[in-house]
Amino acid sequence: MAEASVAKVYGSEFFIEAYRHLMEIMGE
């Protein structure tokens, strides 16, 4: 359970930050 949870927590929170960074680059 712990191994699967590590991947889930890191990945799901990273996605939000990654898409935000990419949207900042492309602007409106």
PDB file of all heavy atoms in Angstrom:
ATOM      1  N   MET A   1       0.813  -1.207   0.000  1.00  0.00           N
ATOM      2  CA  MET A   1       0.000   0.000   0.000  1.00  0.00           C
ATOM      3  C   MET A   1       0.849   1.261   0.000  1.00  0.00           C
ATOM      4  O   MET A   1       0.537   2.242  -0.674  1.00  0.00           O
ATOM      5  CB  MET A   1      -0.931   0.001   1.211  1.00  0.00           C
ATOM      6  CG  MET A   1      -2.038  -1.008   1.170  1.00  0.00           C
ATOM      7  SD  MET A   1      -3.221  -0.724   2.523  1.00  0.00           S
ATOM      8  CE  MET A   1      -2.171  -0.977   3.959  1.00  0.00           C
ATOM      9  N   ALA A   2       1.920   1.257   0.791  1.00  0.00           N
ATOM     10  CA  ALA A   2       2.735   2.462   0.918  1.00  0.00           C
ATOM     11  C   ALA A   2       3.386   2.834  -0.409  1.00  0.00           C
ATOM     12  O   ALA A   2       3.427   4.016  -0.781  1.00  0.00           O
ATOM     13  CB  ALA A   2       3.803   2.260   1.991  1.00  0.00           C
ATOM     14  N   GLU A   3       3.902   1.850  -1.139  1.00  0.00           N
ATOM     15  CA  GLU A   3       4.559   2.129  -2.417  1.00  0.00           C
ATOM     16  C   GLU A   3       3.577   2.741  -3.405  1.00  0.00           C
ATOM     17  O   GLU A   3       3.890   3.710  -4.105  1.00  0.00           O
ATOM     18  CB  GLU A   3       5.157   0.843  -2.991  1.00  0.00           C
ATOM     19  CG  GLU A   3       6.269   0.229  -2.155  1.00  0.00           C
ATOM     20  CD  GLU A   3       7.555   1.031  -2.223  1.00  0.00           C
ATOM     21  OE1 GLU A   3       7.638   1.976  -3.031  1.00  0.00           O
ATOM     22  OE2 GLU A   3       8.481   0.720  -1.457  1.00  0.00           O
ATOM     23  N   ALA A   4       2.375   2.168  -3.501  1.00  0.00           N
ATOM     24  CA  ALA A   4       1.362   2.706  -4.408  1.00  0.00           C
ATOM     25  C   ALA A   4       0.942   4.112  -3.992  1.00  0.00           C
ATOM     26  O   ALA A   4       0.718   4.991  -4.838  1.00  0.00           O
ATOM     27  CB  ALA A   4       0.154   1.778  -4.455  1.00  0.00           C
ATOM     28  N   SER A   5       0.856   4.354  -2.684  1.00  0.00           N
ATOM     29  CA  SER A   5       0.443   5.670  -2.186  1.00  0.00           C
ATOM     30  C   SER A   5       1.496   6.735  -2.463  1.00  0.00           C
ATOM     31  O   SER A   5       1.167   7.894  -2.741  1.00  0.00           O
ATOM     32  CB  SER A   5       0.148   5.595  -0.684  1.00  0.00           C
ATOM     33  OG  SER A   5      -0.956   4.761  -0.428  1.00  0.00           O
ATOM     34  N   VAL A   6       2.783   6.378  -2.374  1.00  0.00           N
ATOM     35  CA  VAL A   6       3.861   7.333  -2.688  1.00  0.00           C
ATOM     36  C   VAL A   6       3.707   7.835  -4.117  1.00  0.00           C
ATOM     37  O   VAL A   6       3.767   9.049  -4.384  1.00  0.00           O
ATOM     38  CB  VAL A   6       5.243   6.673  -2.493  1.00  0.00           C
ATOM     39  CG1 VAL A   6       6.329   7.525  -3.142  1.00  0.00           C
ATOM     40  CG2 VAL A   6       5.542   6.487  -1.019  1.00  0.00           C
ATOM     41  N   ALA A   7       3.518   6.921  -5.046  1.00  0.00           N
ATOM     42  CA  ALA A   7       3.370   7.302  -6.452  1.00  0.00           C
ATOM     43  C   ALA A   7       2.137   8.172  -6.648  1.00  0.00           C
ATOM     44  O   ALA A   7       2.170   9.179  -7.366  1.00  0.00           O
ATOM     45  CB  ALA A   7       3.277   6.045  -7.323  1.00  0.00           C
ATOM     46  N   LYS A   8       1.057   7.808  -5.986  1.00  0.00           N
ATOM     47  CA  LYS A   8      -0.195   8.533  -6.165  1.00  0.00           C
ATOM     48  C   LYS A   8      -0.101   9.964  -5.636  1.00  0.00           C
ATOM     49  O   LYS A   8      -0.537  10.916  -6.284  1.00  0.00           O
ATOM     50  CB  LYS A   8      -1.316   7.761  -5.467  1.00  0.00           C
ATOM     51  CG  LYS A   8      -2.713   8.157  -5.915  1.00  0.00           C
ATOM     52  CD  LYS A   8      -3.316   9.198  -5.033  1.00  0.00           C
ATOM     53  CE  LYS A   8      -4.719   9.534  -5.479  1.00  0.00           C
ATOM     54  NZ  LYS A   8      -5.356  10.551  -4.642  1.00  0.00           N
ATOM     55  N   VAL A   9       0.458  10.137  -4.441  1.00  0.00           N
ATOM     56  CA  VAL A   9       0.566  11.471  -3.846  1.00  0.00           C
ATOM     57  C   VAL A   9       1.484  12.356  -4.677  1.00  0.00           C
ATOM     58  O   VAL A   9       1.116  13.479  -5.052  1.00  0.00           O
ATOM     59  CB  VAL A   9       1.077  11.387  -2.389  1.00  0.00           C
ATOM     60  CG1 VAL A   9       1.433  12.780  -1.861  1.00  0.00           C
ATOM     61  CG2 VAL A   9       0.018  10.755  -1.500  1.00  0.00           C
ATOM     62  N   TYR A  10       2.686  11.861  -4.975  1.00  0.00           N
ATOM     63  CA  TYR A  10       3.631  12.689  -5.714  1.00  0.00           C
ATOM     64  C   TYR A  10       3.091  13.032  -7.101  1.00  0.00           C
ATOM     65  O   TYR A  10       3.104  14.189  -7.525  1.00  0.00           O
ATOM     66  CB  TYR A  10       4.981  11.990  -5.862  1.00  0.00           C
ATOM     67  CG  TYR A  10       5.953  12.800  -6.704  1.00  0.00           C
ATOM     68  CD1 TYR A  10       6.648  13.857  -6.145  1.00  0.00           C
ATOM     69  CD2 TYR A  10       6.115  12.539  -8.065  1.00  0.00           C
ATOM     70  CE1 TYR A  10       7.496  14.636  -6.911  1.00  0.00           C
ATOM     71  CE2 TYR A  10       6.964  13.309  -8.846  1.00  0.00           C
ATOM     72  CZ  TYR A  10       7.647  14.356  -8.269  1.00  0.00           C
ATOM     73  OH  TYR A  10       8.479  15.133  -9.037  1.00  0.00           O
ATOM     74  N   GLY A  11       2.619  12.022  -7.820  1.00  0.00           N
ATOM     75  CA  GLY A  11       2.177  12.240  -9.190  1.00  0.00           C
ATOM     76  C   GLY A  11       0.993  13.175  -9.296  1.00  0.00           C
ATOM     77  O   GLY A  11       0.996  14.114 -10.108  1.00  0.00           O
ATOM     78  N   SER A  12      -0.033  12.976  -8.478  1.00  0.00           N
ATOM     79  CA  SER A  12      -1.242  13.792  -8.593  1.00  0.00           C
ATOM     80  C   SER A  12      -0.970  15.252  -8.246  1.00  0.00           C
ATOM     81  O   SER A  12      -1.546  16.164  -8.871  1.00  0.00           O
ATOM     82  CB  SER A  12      -2.347  13.228  -7.694  1.00  0.00           C
ATOM     83  OG  SER A  12      -1.951  13.225  -6.337  1.00  0.00           O
ATOM     84  N   GLU A  13      -0.103  15.512  -7.280  1.00  0.00           N
ATOM     85  CA  GLU A  13       0.197  16.896  -6.921  1.00  0.00           C
ATOM     86  C   GLU A  13       1.178  17.537  -7.900  1.00  0.00           C
ATOM     87  O   GLU A  13       1.110  18.742  -8.172  1.00  0.00           O
ATOM     88  CB  GLU A  13       0.717  16.952  -5.483  1.00  0.00           C
ATOM     89  CG  GLU A  13      -0.362  16.541  -4.485  1.00  0.00           C
ATOM     90  CD  GLU A  13       0.098  16.530  -3.040  1.00  0.00           C
ATOM     91  OE1 GLU A  13       1.281  16.851  -2.774  1.00  0.00           O
ATOM     92  OE2 GLU A  13      -0.736  16.206  -2.161  1.00  0.00           O
ATOM     93  N   PHE A  14       2.060  16.733  -8.453  1.00  0.00           N
ATOM     94  CA  PHE A  14       2.968  17.253  -9.469  1.00  0.00           C
ATOM     95  C   PHE A  14       2.213  17.659 -10.733  1.00  0.00           C
ATOM     96  O   PHE A  14       2.536  18.678 -11.356  1.00  0.00           O
ATOM     97  CB  PHE A  14       4.030  16.209  -9.828  1.00  0.00           C
ATOM     98  CG  PHE A  14       4.756  16.506 -11.110  1.00  0.00           C
ATOM     99  CD1 PHE A  14       5.612  17.599 -11.216  1.00  0.00           C
ATOM    100  CD2 PHE A  14       4.565  15.712 -12.240  1.00  0.00           C
ATOM    101  CE1 PHE A  14       6.259  17.895 -12.406  1.00  0.00           C
ATOM    102  CE2 PHE A  14       5.212  15.996 -13.431  1.00  0.00           C
ATOM    103  CZ  PHE A  14       6.063  17.085 -13.515  1.00  0.00           C
ATOM    104  N   PHE A  15       1.198  16.899 -11.135  1.00  0.00           N
ATOM    105  CA  PHE A  15       0.438  17.222 -12.336  1.00  0.00           C
ATOM    106  C   PHE A  15      -0.119  18.642 -12.269  1.00  0.00           C
ATOM    107  O   PHE A  15      -0.055  19.399 -13.247  1.00  0.00           O
ATOM    108  CB  PHE A  15      -0.725  16.241 -12.524  1.00  0.00           C
ATOM    109  CG  PHE A  15      -0.302  14.857 -12.942  1.00  0.00           C
ATOM    110  CD1 PHE A  15      -1.132  13.771 -12.709  1.00  0.00           C
ATOM    111  CD2 PHE A  15       0.909  14.637 -13.566  1.00  0.00           C
ATOM    112  CE1 PHE A  15      -0.751  12.498 -13.082  1.00  0.00           C
ATOM    113  CE2 PHE A  15       1.300  13.369 -13.950  1.00  0.00           C
ATOM    114  CZ  PHE A  15       0.461  12.294 -13.707  1.00  0.00           C
ATOM    115  N   ILE A  16      -0.688  19.025 -11.132  1.00  0.00           N
ATOM    116  CA  ILE A  16      -1.268  20.357 -10.993  1.00  0.00           C
ATOM    117  C   ILE A  16      -0.208  21.422 -11.214  1.00  0.00           C
ATOM    118  O   ILE A  16      -0.420  22.405 -11.940  1.00  0.00           O
ATOM    119  CB  ILE A  16      -1.917  20.504  -9.604  1.00  0.00           C
ATOM    120  CG1 ILE A  16      -3.101  19.540  -9.461  1.00  0.00           C
ATOM    121  CG2 ILE A  16      -2.374  21.950  -9.374  1.00  0.00           C
ATOM    122  CD1 ILE A  16      -3.705  19.498  -8.068  1.00  0.00           C
ATOM    123  N   GLU A  17       0.953  21.237 -10.579  1.00  0.00           N
ATOM    124  CA  GLU A  17       2.032  22.210 -10.727  1.00  0.00           C
ATOM    125  C   GLU A  17       2.579  22.232 -12.156  1.00  0.00           C
ATOM    126  O   GLU A  17       2.876  23.301 -12.713  1.00  0.00           O
ATOM    127  CB  GLU A  17       3.155  21.886  -9.745  1.00  0.00           C
ATOM    128  CG  GLU A  17       2.809  22.175  -8.295  1.00  0.00           C
ATOM    129  CD  GLU A  17       2.445  23.640  -8.087  1.00  0.00           C
ATOM    130  OE1 GLU A  17       3.274  24.515  -8.417  1.00  0.00           O
ATOM    131  OE2 GLU A  17       1.326  23.908  -7.618  1.00  0.00           O
ATOM    132  N   ALA A  18       2.701  21.072 -12.769  1.00  0.00           N
ATOM    133  CA  ALA A  18       3.245  20.992 -14.127  1.00  0.00           C
ATOM    134  C   ALA A  18       2.345  21.712 -15.113  1.00  0.00           C
ATOM    135  O   ALA A  18       2.812  22.520 -15.936  1.00  0.00           O
ATOM    136  CB  ALA A  18       3.419  19.529 -14.535  1.00  0.00           C
ATOM    137  N   TYR A  19       1.045  21.437 -15.057  1.00  0.00           N
ATOM    138  CA  TYR A  19       0.119  22.092 -15.987  1.00  0.00           C
ATOM    139  C   TYR A  19       0.078  23.599 -15.742  1.00  0.00           C
ATOM    140  O   TYR A  19      -0.046  24.390 -16.678  1.00  0.00           O
ATOM    141  CB  TYR A  19      -1.279  21.480 -15.863  1.00  0.00           C
ATOM    142  CG  TYR A  19      -1.339  20.016 -16.246  1.00  0.00           C
ATOM    143  CD1 TYR A  19      -2.070  19.104 -15.501  1.00  0.00           C
ATOM    144  CD2 TYR A  19      -0.646  19.538 -17.360  1.00  0.00           C
ATOM    145  CE1 TYR A  19      -2.121  17.760 -15.853  1.00  0.00           C
ATOM    146  CE2 TYR A  19      -0.691  18.204 -17.713  1.00  0.00           C
ATOM    147  CZ  TYR A  19      -1.421  17.319 -16.957  1.00  0.00           C
ATOM    148  OH  TYR A  19      -1.465  15.982 -17.301  1.00  0.00           O
ATOM    149  N   ARG A  20       0.188  24.023 -14.484  1.00  0.00           N
ATOM    150  CA  ARG A  20       0.205  25.464 -14.187  1.00  0.00           C
ATOM    151  C   ARG A  20       1.438  26.126 -14.795  1.00  0.00           C
ATOM    152  O   ARG A  20       1.341  27.201 -15.404  1.00  0.00           O
ATOM    153  CB  ARG A  20       0.175  25.685 -12.673  1.00  0.00           C
ATOM    154  CG  ARG A  20       0.181  27.155 -12.271  1.00  0.00           C
ATOM    155  CD  ARG A  20       0.064  27.316 -10.772  1.00  0.00           C
ATOM    156  NE  ARG A  20       1.194  26.737 -10.072  1.00  0.00           N
ATOM    157  CZ  ARG A  20       2.386  27.336  -9.952  1.00  0.00           C
ATOM    158  NH1 ARG A  20       2.597  28.512 -10.512  1.00  0.00           N
ATOM    159  NH2 ARG A  20       3.353  26.753  -9.277  1.00  0.00           N
ATOM    160  N   HIS A  21       2.603  25.474 -14.657  1.00  0.00           N
ATOM    161  CA  HIS A  21       3.828  26.023 -15.249  1.00  0.00           C
ATOM    162  C   HIS A  21       3.706  26.135 -16.769  1.00  0.00           C
ATOM    163  O   HIS A  21       4.128  27.141 -17.367  1.00  0.00           O
ATOM    164  CB  HIS A  21       5.017  25.126 -14.907  1.00  0.00           C
ATOM    165  CG  HIS A  21       5.539  25.297 -13.518  1.00  0.00           C
ATOM    166  ND1 HIS A  21       5.756  26.520 -12.946  1.00  0.00           N
ATOM    167  CD2 HIS A  21       5.905  24.377 -12.575  1.00  0.00           C
ATOM    168  CE1 HIS A  21       6.235  26.365 -11.715  1.00  0.00           C
ATOM    169  NE2 HIS A  21       6.331  25.070 -11.469  1.00  0.00           N
ATOM    170  N   LEU A  22       3.137  25.137 -17.411  1.00  0.00           N
ATOM    171  CA  LEU A  22       3.007  25.144 -18.867  1.00  0.00           C
ATOM    172  C   LEU A  22       1.995  26.189 -19.321  1.00  0.00           C
ATOM    173  O   LEU A  22       2.191  26.846 -20.355  1.00  0.00           O
ATOM    174  CB  LEU A  22       2.603  23.758 -19.365  1.00  0.00           C
ATOM    175  CG  LEU A  22       3.633  22.640 -19.128  1.00  0.00           C
ATOM    176  CD1 LEU A  22       3.082  21.303 -19.588  1.00  0.00           C
ATOM    177  CD2 LEU A  22       4.951  22.941 -19.843  1.00  0.00           C
ATOM    178  N   MET A  23       0.918  26.363 -18.547  1.00  0.00           N
ATOM    179  CA  MET A  23      -0.073  27.386 -18.907  1.00  0.00           C
ATOM    180  C   MET A  23       0.500  28.786 -18.741  1.00  0.00           C
ATOM    181  O   MET A  23       0.180  29.686 -19.525  1.00  0.00           O
ATOM    182  CB  MET A  23      -1.328  27.211 -18.046  1.00  0.00           C
ATOM    183  CG  MET A  23      -2.114  25.945 -18.378  1.00  0.00           C
ATOM    184  SD  MET A  23      -3.601  25.765 -17.377  1.00  0.00           S
ATOM    185  CE  MET A  23      -4.674  26.989 -18.118  1.00  0.00           C
ATOM    186  N   GLU A  24       1.342  29.002 -17.753  1.00  0.00           N
ATOM    187  CA  GLU A  24       1.988  30.308 -17.585  1.00  0.00           C
ATOM    188  C   GLU A  24       2.807  30.653 -18.825  1.00  0.00           C
ATOM    189  O   GLU A  24       2.819  31.806 -19.274  1.00  0.00           O
ATOM    190  CB  GLU A  24       2.902  30.285 -16.360  1.00  0.00           C
ATOM    191  CG  GLU A  24       2.163  30.334 -15.036  1.00  0.00           C
ATOM    192  CD  GLU A  24       3.115  30.228 -13.853  1.00  0.00           C
ATOM    193  OE1 GLU A  24       4.327  29.986 -14.071  1.00  0.00           O
ATOM    194  OE2 GLU A  24       2.652  30.371 -12.710  1.00  0.00           O
ATOM    195  N   ILE A  25       3.473  29.662 -19.394  1.00  0.00           N
ATOM    196  CA  ILE A  25       4.309  29.893 -20.575  1.00  0.00           C
ATOM    197  C   ILE A  25       3.469  30.313 -21.769  1.00  0.00           C
ATOM    198  O   ILE A  25       3.815  31.245 -22.496  1.00  0.00           O
ATOM    199  CB  ILE A  25       5.125  28.627 -20.904  1.00  0.00           C
ATOM    200  CG1 ILE A  25       6.150  28.358 -19.794  1.00  0.00           C
ATOM    201  CG2 ILE A  25       5.818  28.759 -22.262  1.00  0.00           C
ATOM    202  CD1 ILE A  25       6.815  27.003 -19.892  1.00  0.00           C
ATOM    203  N   MET A  26       2.332  29.627 -21.980  1.00  0.00           N
ATOM    204  CA  MET A  26       1.506  29.911 -23.163  1.00  0.00           C
ATOM    205  C   MET A  26       0.540  31.071 -22.946  1.00  0.00           C
ATOM    206  O   MET A  26      -0.120  31.512 -23.889  1.00  0.00           O
ATOM    207  CB  MET A  26       0.738  28.651 -23.570  1.00  0.00           C
ATOM    208  CG  MET A  26       1.621  27.474 -23.949  1.00  0.00           C
ATOM    209  SD  MET A  26       3.025  27.904 -25.035  1.00  0.00           S
ATOM    210  CE  MET A  26       2.190  28.571 -26.468  1.00  0.00           C
ATOM    211  N   GLY A  27       0.430  31.563 -21.713  1.00  0.00           N
ATOM    212  CA  GLY A  27      -0.380  32.748 -21.461  1.00  0.00           C
ATOM    213  C   GLY A  27      -1.866  32.524 -21.669  1.00  0.00           C
ATOM    214  O   GLY A  27      -2.388  31.425 -21.485  1.00  0.00           O
ATOM    215  N   GLU A  28      -2.553  33.592 -22.094  1.00  0.00           N
ATOM    216  CA  GLU A  28      -4.016  33.543 -22.175  1.00  0.00           C
ATOM    217  C   GLU A  28      -4.530  32.529 -23.189  1.00  0.00           C
ATOM    218  O   GLU A  28      -5.657  32.032 -23.065  1.00  0.00           O
ATOM    219  CB  GLU A  28      -4.591  34.929 -22.481  1.00  0.00           C
ATOM    220  CG  GLU A  28      -4.127  35.539 -23.788  1.00  0.00           C
ATOM    221  CD  GLU A  28      -2.899  36.405 -23.619  1.00  0.00           C
ATOM    222  OE1 GLU A  28      -2.173  36.213 -22.625  1.00  0.00           O
ATOM    223  OE2 GLU A  28      -2.671  37.281 -24.474  1.00  0.00           O
TER     224      GLU A  28
END
